[in-house]
Amino acid sequence: MSEPNEVKLVVVGETGVGKTTLLQRYAEGKVEEQLSTIGACCMEKAVEVNSRTYNLSLWDTAGQEAYRAIVPMYFRGASIALIVADITNEKSLETIPYWINLVHKNLSTENPIVSIVVNKIDLKESQVMTEGDILSTYHTTEMEVFFTSAIANIGVDTLFDYLLNKYDNLGQPTDDNVAVAEISRKDSKTSHCMC
């Protein structure tokens, strides 16, 4: 097998939308109660797609306004960006255009993959916007919208399978039936978290 490819993924969005929990669910298979991220935090995970190994660096950025000035520096070298919103938090949905603009202004990678993730869909009675309205507002041919619940583990694997298959297929023949196999999981104690 050839050397693993390094892939950097950056997650942005308002504070409290579940960015850290989403990455924990994917990278570690579990979630733990967290304080708000200060600055940024990095988790790693190795996966295999089409017999190619990818080492993912999953960058979780702070959503508080006080840290917004430093968020753009985390885009350097990123191939994938996720804009996360909370379906129960109107402000997080209203600021999606701000985050889209920030991502497009700062991602310098050729053919970046940018998707919107609407989290906390398990909280049906608290939703402030319907999934249909969100799709009609934000879904484009360049940007997919995913609905997840990191706590209830809904849609998380689908999201990351899509992202990795799309990344793997850039410039290669497409195969919609490609499976993503997990190679290893780094323990949260060994993550490169700076928070």
C-alpha atoms as a PDB file:
ATOM      1  CA  MET A   1       0.000   0.000   0.000  1.00  0.00           C
ATOM      2  CA  SER A   2       1.270   3.483  -0.807  1.00  0.00           C
ATOM      3  CA  GLU A   3       1.946   6.263   1.673  1.00  0.00           C
ATOM      4  CA  PRO A   4      -1.184   7.734   3.265  1.00  0.00           C
ATOM      5  CA  ASN A   5      -2.530  10.991   1.882  1.00  0.00           C
ATOM      6  CA  GLU A   6      -2.911  13.867   4.322  1.00  0.00           C
ATOM      7  CA  VAL A   7      -6.320  15.550   4.262  1.00  0.00           C
ATOM      8  CA  LYS A   8      -7.204  18.625   6.305  1.00  0.00           C
ATOM      9  CA  LEU A   9     -10.840  19.282   7.165  1.00  0.00           C
ATOM     10  CA  VAL A  10     -11.930  22.486   8.938  1.00  0.00           C
ATOM     11  CA  VAL A  11     -15.236  22.916  10.768  1.00  0.00           C
ATOM     12  CA  VAL A  12     -16.724  26.385  11.347  1.00  0.00           C
ATOM     13  CA  GLY A  13     -19.972  27.768  12.731  1.00  0.00           C
ATOM     14  CA  GLU A  14     -21.483  29.589  15.675  1.00  0.00           C
ATOM     15  CA  THR A  15     -20.655  28.558  19.214  1.00  0.00           C
ATOM     16  CA  GLY A  16     -22.756  25.749  20.684  1.00  0.00           C
ATOM     17  CA  VAL A  17     -23.905  24.205  17.387  1.00  0.00           C
ATOM     18  CA  GLY A  18     -22.151  20.884  18.039  1.00  0.00           C
ATOM     19  CA  LYS A  19     -18.944  21.168  16.003  1.00  0.00           C
ATOM     20  CA  THR A  20     -16.794  19.447  18.632  1.00  0.00           C
ATOM     21  CA  THR A  21     -19.411  16.775  19.297  1.00  0.00           C
ATOM     22  CA  LEU A  22     -19.739  16.051  15.563  1.00  0.00           C
ATOM     23  CA  LEU A  23     -15.983  15.545  15.201  1.00  0.00           C
ATOM     24  CA  GLN A  24     -15.794  13.478  18.403  1.00  0.00           C
ATOM     25  CA  ARG A  25     -18.603  11.226  17.186  1.00  0.00           C
ATOM     26  CA  TYR A  26     -16.809  10.634  13.893  1.00  0.00           C
ATOM     27  CA  ALA A  27     -13.195  10.428  15.080  1.00  0.00           C
ATOM     28  CA  GLU A  28     -13.714   8.628  18.389  1.00  0.00           C
ATOM     29  CA  GLY A  29     -17.120   6.985  18.038  1.00  0.00           C
ATOM     30  CA  LYS A  30     -18.342   8.612  21.242  1.00  0.00           C
ATOM     31  CA  VAL A  31     -19.225  12.000  22.639  1.00  0.00           C
ATOM     32  CA  GLU A  32     -18.227  13.648  25.870  1.00  0.00           C
ATOM     33  CA  GLU A  33     -19.519  16.800  27.469  1.00  0.00           C
ATOM     34  CA  GLN A  34     -17.376  19.702  26.306  1.00  0.00           C
ATOM     35  CA  LEU A  35     -16.729  23.294  27.134  1.00  0.00           C
ATOM     36  CA  SER A  36     -16.628  25.714  24.210  1.00  0.00           C
ATOM     37  CA  THR A  37     -13.548  25.374  22.034  1.00  0.00           C
ATOM     38  CA  ILE A  38     -10.970  28.110  22.600  1.00  0.00           C
ATOM     39  CA  GLY A  39      -9.092  28.930  19.378  1.00  0.00           C
ATOM     40  CA  ALA A  40      -9.027  25.530  17.668  1.00  0.00           C
ATOM     41  CA  CYS A  41      -8.646  21.846  18.385  1.00  0.00           C
ATOM     42  CA  CYS A  42      -7.416  19.053  16.114  1.00  0.00           C
ATOM     43  CA  MET A  43      -8.384  15.382  16.074  1.00  0.00           C
ATOM     44  CA  GLU A  44      -6.970  12.756  13.746  1.00  0.00           C
ATOM     45  CA  LYS A  45      -8.365   9.670  12.093  1.00  0.00           C
ATOM     46  CA  ALA A  46      -7.031   7.309   9.426  1.00  0.00           C
ATOM     47  CA  VAL A  47      -9.517   5.882   6.918  1.00  0.00           C
ATOM     48  CA  GLU A  48      -9.335   3.826   3.762  1.00  0.00           C
ATOM     49  CA  VAL A  49     -11.241   4.725   0.595  1.00  0.00           C
ATOM     50  CA  ASN A  50     -10.852   2.648  -2.581  1.00  0.00           C
ATOM     51  CA  SER A  51      -7.712   0.978  -1.195  1.00  0.00           C
ATOM     52  CA  ARG A  52      -6.117   4.363  -0.506  1.00  0.00           C
ATOM     53  CA  THR A  53      -5.336   5.443   3.048  1.00  0.00           C
ATOM     54  CA  TYR A  54      -6.108   8.971   4.165  1.00  0.00           C
ATOM     55  CA  ASN A  55      -4.883  10.568   7.382  1.00  0.00           C
ATOM     56  CA  LEU A  56      -7.540  13.092   8.304  1.00  0.00           C
ATOM     57  CA  SER A  57      -6.755  16.150  10.387  1.00  0.00           C
ATOM     58  CA  LEU A  58     -10.110  17.328  11.704  1.00  0.00           C
ATOM     59  CA  TRP A  59      -9.865  20.971  12.808  1.00  0.00           C
ATOM     60  CA  ASP A  60     -12.536  22.246  15.166  1.00  0.00           C
ATOM     61  CA  THR A  61     -12.606  26.049  15.349  1.00  0.00           C
ATOM     62  CA  ALA A  62     -14.088  28.344  17.983  1.00  0.00           C
ATOM     63  CA  GLY A  63     -17.421  29.903  17.109  1.00  0.00           C
ATOM     64  CA  GLN A  64     -17.355  32.823  19.528  1.00  0.00           C
ATOM     65  CA  GLU A  65     -17.050  36.255  17.948  1.00  0.00           C
ATOM     66  CA  ALA A  66     -13.948  36.987  20.042  1.00  0.00           C
ATOM     67  CA  TYR A  67     -12.052  34.271  18.112  1.00  0.00           C
ATOM     68  CA  ARG A  68     -13.322  34.964  14.590  1.00  0.00           C
ATOM     69  CA  ALA A  69     -10.220  36.931  13.639  1.00  0.00           C
ATOM     70  CA  ILE A  70      -8.034  33.832  14.039  1.00  0.00           C
ATOM     71  CA  VAL A  71     -10.344  31.307  12.329  1.00  0.00           C
ATOM     72  CA  PRO A  72      -9.114  32.086   8.767  1.00  0.00           C
ATOM     73  CA  MET A  73      -5.574  30.903   9.551  1.00  0.00           C
ATOM     74  CA  TYR A  74      -6.881  27.362  10.089  1.00  0.00           C
ATOM     75  CA  PHE A  75      -8.003  27.153   6.454  1.00  0.00           C
ATOM     76  CA  ARG A  76      -4.407  26.988   5.197  1.00  0.00           C
ATOM     77  CA  GLY A  77      -3.999  23.675   3.390  1.00  0.00           C
ATOM     78  CA  ALA A  78      -7.583  22.556   4.012  1.00  0.00           C
ATOM     79  CA  SER A  79      -9.317  20.573   1.279  1.00  0.00           C
ATOM     80  CA  ILE A  80     -12.678  20.213   3.022  1.00  0.00           C
ATOM     81  CA  ALA A  81     -14.727  22.722   5.016  1.00  0.00           C
ATOM     82  CA  LEU A  82     -17.913  22.117   6.961  1.00  0.00           C
ATOM     83  CA  ILE A  83     -20.215  24.929   8.003  1.00  0.00           C
ATOM     84  CA  VAL A  84     -22.196  23.666  10.989  1.00  0.00           C
ATOM     85  CA  ALA A  85     -25.488  25.163  12.172  1.00  0.00           C
ATOM     86  CA  ASP A  86     -27.977  24.111  14.847  1.00  0.00           C
ATOM     87  CA  ILE A  87     -31.559  23.521  13.662  1.00  0.00           C
ATOM     88  CA  THR A  88     -32.802  24.757  17.060  1.00  0.00           C
ATOM     89  CA  ASN A  89     -30.767  27.992  16.969  1.00  0.00           C
ATOM     90  CA  GLU A  90     -32.085  30.677  14.632  1.00  0.00           C
ATOM     91  CA  LYS A  91     -28.909  32.796  14.814  1.00  0.00           C
ATOM     92  CA  SER A  92     -26.761  29.855  13.701  1.00  0.00           C
ATOM     93  CA  LEU A  93     -28.975  29.385  10.631  1.00  0.00           C
ATOM     94  CA  GLU A  94     -29.045  33.116   9.850  1.00  0.00           C
ATOM     95  CA  THR A  95     -25.235  33.343   9.932  1.00  0.00           C
ATOM     96  CA  ILE A  96     -24.669  30.531   7.406  1.00  0.00           C
ATOM     97  CA  PRO A  97     -24.035  33.128   4.621  1.00  0.00           C
ATOM     98  CA  TYR A  98     -21.333  34.751   6.800  1.00  0.00           C
ATOM     99  CA  TRP A  99     -19.570  31.394   7.214  1.00  0.00           C
ATOM    100  CA  ILE A 100     -19.953  30.548   3.502  1.00  0.00           C
ATOM    101  CA  ASN A 101     -18.280  33.853   2.626  1.00  0.00           C
ATOM    102  CA  LEU A 102     -15.492  33.279   5.176  1.00  0.00           C
ATOM    103  CA  VAL A 103     -14.822  29.775   3.838  1.00  0.00           C
ATOM    104  CA  HIS A 104     -14.761  30.826   0.182  1.00  0.00           C
ATOM    105  CA  LYS A 105     -12.555  33.818   0.939  1.00  0.00           C
ATOM    106  CA  ASN A 106      -9.974  31.762   2.848  1.00  0.00           C
ATOM    107  CA  LEU A 107      -9.861  28.286   1.289  1.00  0.00           C
ATOM    108  CA  SER A 108      -7.009  28.313  -1.195  1.00  0.00           C
ATOM    109  CA  THR A 109      -7.011  24.634  -2.156  1.00  0.00           C
ATOM    110  CA  GLU A 110      -7.956  23.781  -5.721  1.00  0.00           C
ATOM    111  CA  ASN A 111     -11.441  22.200  -5.876  1.00  0.00           C
ATOM    112  CA  PRO A 112     -12.290  22.505  -2.177  1.00  0.00           C
ATOM    113  CA  ILE A 113     -15.253  20.555  -0.860  1.00  0.00           C
ATOM    114  CA  VAL A 114     -17.635  22.737   1.147  1.00  0.00           C
ATOM    115  CA  SER A 115     -20.798  21.416   2.781  1.00  0.00           C
ATOM    116  CA  ILE A 116     -23.362  22.706   5.242  1.00  0.00           C
ATOM    117  CA  VAL A 117     -24.192  20.507   8.224  1.00  0.00           C
ATOM    118  CA  VAL A 118     -27.403  21.204  10.128  1.00  0.00           C
ATOM    119  CA  ASN A 119     -26.991  19.498  13.487  1.00  0.00           C
ATOM    120  CA  LYS A 120     -29.302  18.537  16.384  1.00  0.00           C
ATOM    121  CA  ILE A 121     -32.085  17.169  14.162  1.00  0.00           C
ATOM    122  CA  ASP A 122     -33.074  14.820  16.987  1.00  0.00           C
ATOM    123  CA  LEU A 123     -34.589  17.832  18.794  1.00  0.00           C
ATOM    124  CA  LYS A 124     -37.715  17.832  16.589  1.00  0.00           C
ATOM    125  CA  GLU A 125     -39.926  19.934  18.886  1.00  0.00           C
ATOM    126  CA  SER A 126     -37.328  22.728  19.113  1.00  0.00           C
ATOM    127  CA  GLN A 127     -36.580  23.162  15.394  1.00  0.00           C
ATOM    128  CA  VAL A 128     -36.837  26.770  14.215  1.00  0.00           C
ATOM    129  CA  MET A 129     -36.778  25.997  10.471  1.00  0.00           C
ATOM    130  CA  THR A 130     -37.899  22.983   8.435  1.00  0.00           C
ATOM    131  CA  GLU A 131     -35.392  20.782   6.641  1.00  0.00           C
ATOM    132  CA  GLY A 132     -37.181  21.614   3.369  1.00  0.00           C
ATOM    133  CA  ASP A 133     -36.777  25.360   3.918  1.00  0.00           C
ATOM    134  CA  ILE A 134     -33.098  24.903   4.766  1.00  0.00           C
ATOM    135  CA  LEU A 135     -32.543  22.831   1.606  1.00  0.00           C
ATOM    136  CA  SER A 136     -34.333  25.339  -0.621  1.00  0.00           C
ATOM    137  CA  THR A 137     -32.317  28.186   0.907  1.00  0.00           C
ATOM    138  CA  TYR A 138     -28.811  26.693   0.997  1.00  0.00           C
ATOM    139  CA  HIS A 139     -28.477  23.613  -1.236  1.00  0.00           C
ATOM    140  CA  THR A 140     -26.555  24.309  -4.458  1.00  0.00           C
ATOM    141  CA  THR A 141     -24.777  22.175  -7.028  1.00  0.00           C
ATOM    142  CA  GLU A 142     -21.477  23.177  -5.404  1.00  0.00           C
ATOM    143  CA  MET A 143     -22.563  22.745  -1.796  1.00  0.00           C
ATOM    144  CA  GLU A 144     -24.467  19.849  -0.251  1.00  0.00           C
ATOM    145  CA  VAL A 145     -26.560  20.175   2.905  1.00  0.00           C
ATOM    146  CA  PHE A 146     -26.523  17.371   5.486  1.00  0.00           C
ATOM    147  CA  PHE A 147     -28.772  16.886   8.499  1.00  0.00           C
ATOM    148  CA  THR A 148     -27.175  15.253  11.529  1.00  0.00           C
ATOM    149  CA  SER A 149     -27.422  14.614  15.218  1.00  0.00           C
ATOM    150  CA  ALA A 150     -23.992  14.027  16.694  1.00  0.00           C
ATOM    151  CA  ILE A 151     -25.506  13.079  20.063  1.00  0.00           C
ATOM    152  CA  ALA A 152     -27.966  10.538  18.586  1.00  0.00           C
ATOM    153  CA  ASN A 153     -25.462   9.484  15.875  1.00  0.00           C
ATOM    154  CA  ILE A 154     -27.795  10.312  12.988  1.00  0.00           C
ATOM    155  CA  GLY A 155     -26.265  11.064   9.586  1.00  0.00           C
ATOM    156  CA  VAL A 156     -22.674  11.402  10.833  1.00  0.00           C
ATOM    157  CA  ASP A 157     -21.257   8.438   8.903  1.00  0.00           C
ATOM    158  CA  THR A 158     -23.253   9.414   5.799  1.00  0.00           C
ATOM    159  CA  LEU A 159     -21.738  12.903   5.944  1.00  0.00           C
ATOM    160  CA  PHE A 160     -18.133  11.782   6.257  1.00  0.00           C
ATOM    161  CA  ASP A 161     -18.539   8.912   3.760  1.00  0.00           C
ATOM    162  CA  TYR A 162     -19.812  11.453   1.223  1.00  0.00           C
ATOM    163  CA  LEU A 163     -16.953  13.879   1.895  1.00  0.00           C
ATOM    164  CA  LEU A 164     -14.237  11.237   1.659  1.00  0.00           C
ATOM    165  CA  ASN A 165     -15.674   9.628  -1.460  1.00  0.00           C
ATOM    166  CA  LYS A 166     -15.975  13.030  -3.118  1.00  0.00           C
ATOM    167  CA  TYR A 167     -12.402  13.882  -2.124  1.00  0.00           C
ATOM    168  CA  ASP A 168     -11.148  10.515  -3.372  1.00  0.00           C
ATOM    169  CA  ASN A 169     -13.026  10.830  -6.657  1.00  0.00           C
ATOM    170  CA  LEU A 170     -11.725  14.288  -7.543  1.00  0.00           C
ATOM    171  CA  GLY A 171      -9.964  13.742 -10.831  1.00  0.00           C
ATOM    172  CA  GLN A 172     -10.724  10.021 -10.789  1.00  0.00           C
ATOM    173  CA  PRO A 173     -13.551   7.886 -12.185  1.00  0.00           C
ATOM    174  CA  THR A 174     -16.578   8.083  -9.907  1.00  0.00           C
ATOM    175  CA  ASP A 175     -18.157   5.080  -8.220  1.00  0.00           C
ATOM    176  CA  ASP A 176     -21.235   5.751  -6.118  1.00  0.00           C
ATOM    177  CA  ASN A 177     -20.905   2.417  -4.333  1.00  0.00           C
ATOM    178  CA  VAL A 178     -17.546   3.019  -2.700  1.00  0.00           C
ATOM    179  CA  ALA A 179     -17.213   1.989   0.925  1.00  0.00           C
ATOM    180  CA  VAL A 180     -15.155   3.882   3.473  1.00  0.00           C
ATOM    181  CA  ALA A 181     -13.341   1.616   5.908  1.00  0.00           C
ATOM    182  CA  GLU A 182     -12.060   2.844   9.229  1.00  0.00           C
ATOM    183  CA  ILE A 183      -8.358   2.099   9.718  1.00  0.00           C
ATOM    184  CA  SER A 184      -7.807   3.363  13.214  1.00  0.00           C
ATOM    185  CA  ARG A 185      -9.199   5.599  15.868  1.00  0.00           C
ATOM    186  CA  LYS A 186      -6.974   7.830  17.914  1.00  0.00           C
ATOM    187  CA  ASP A 187      -7.892   8.014  21.548  1.00  0.00           C
ATOM    188  CA  SER A 188      -9.040  11.462  22.626  1.00  0.00           C
ATOM    189  CA  LYS A 189      -6.033  11.567  24.953  1.00  0.00           C
ATOM    190  CA  THR A 190      -3.749  11.493  21.913  1.00  0.00           C
ATOM    191  CA  SER A 191      -5.531  14.122  19.856  1.00  0.00           C
ATOM    192  CA  HIS A 192      -3.594  17.239  19.033  1.00  0.00           C
ATOM    193  CA  CYS A 193      -6.068  19.468  20.791  1.00  0.00           C
ATOM    194  CA  MET A 194      -4.753  22.913  21.587  1.00  0.00           C
ATOM    195  CA  CYS A 195      -7.676  23.808  23.819  1.00  0.00           C
END
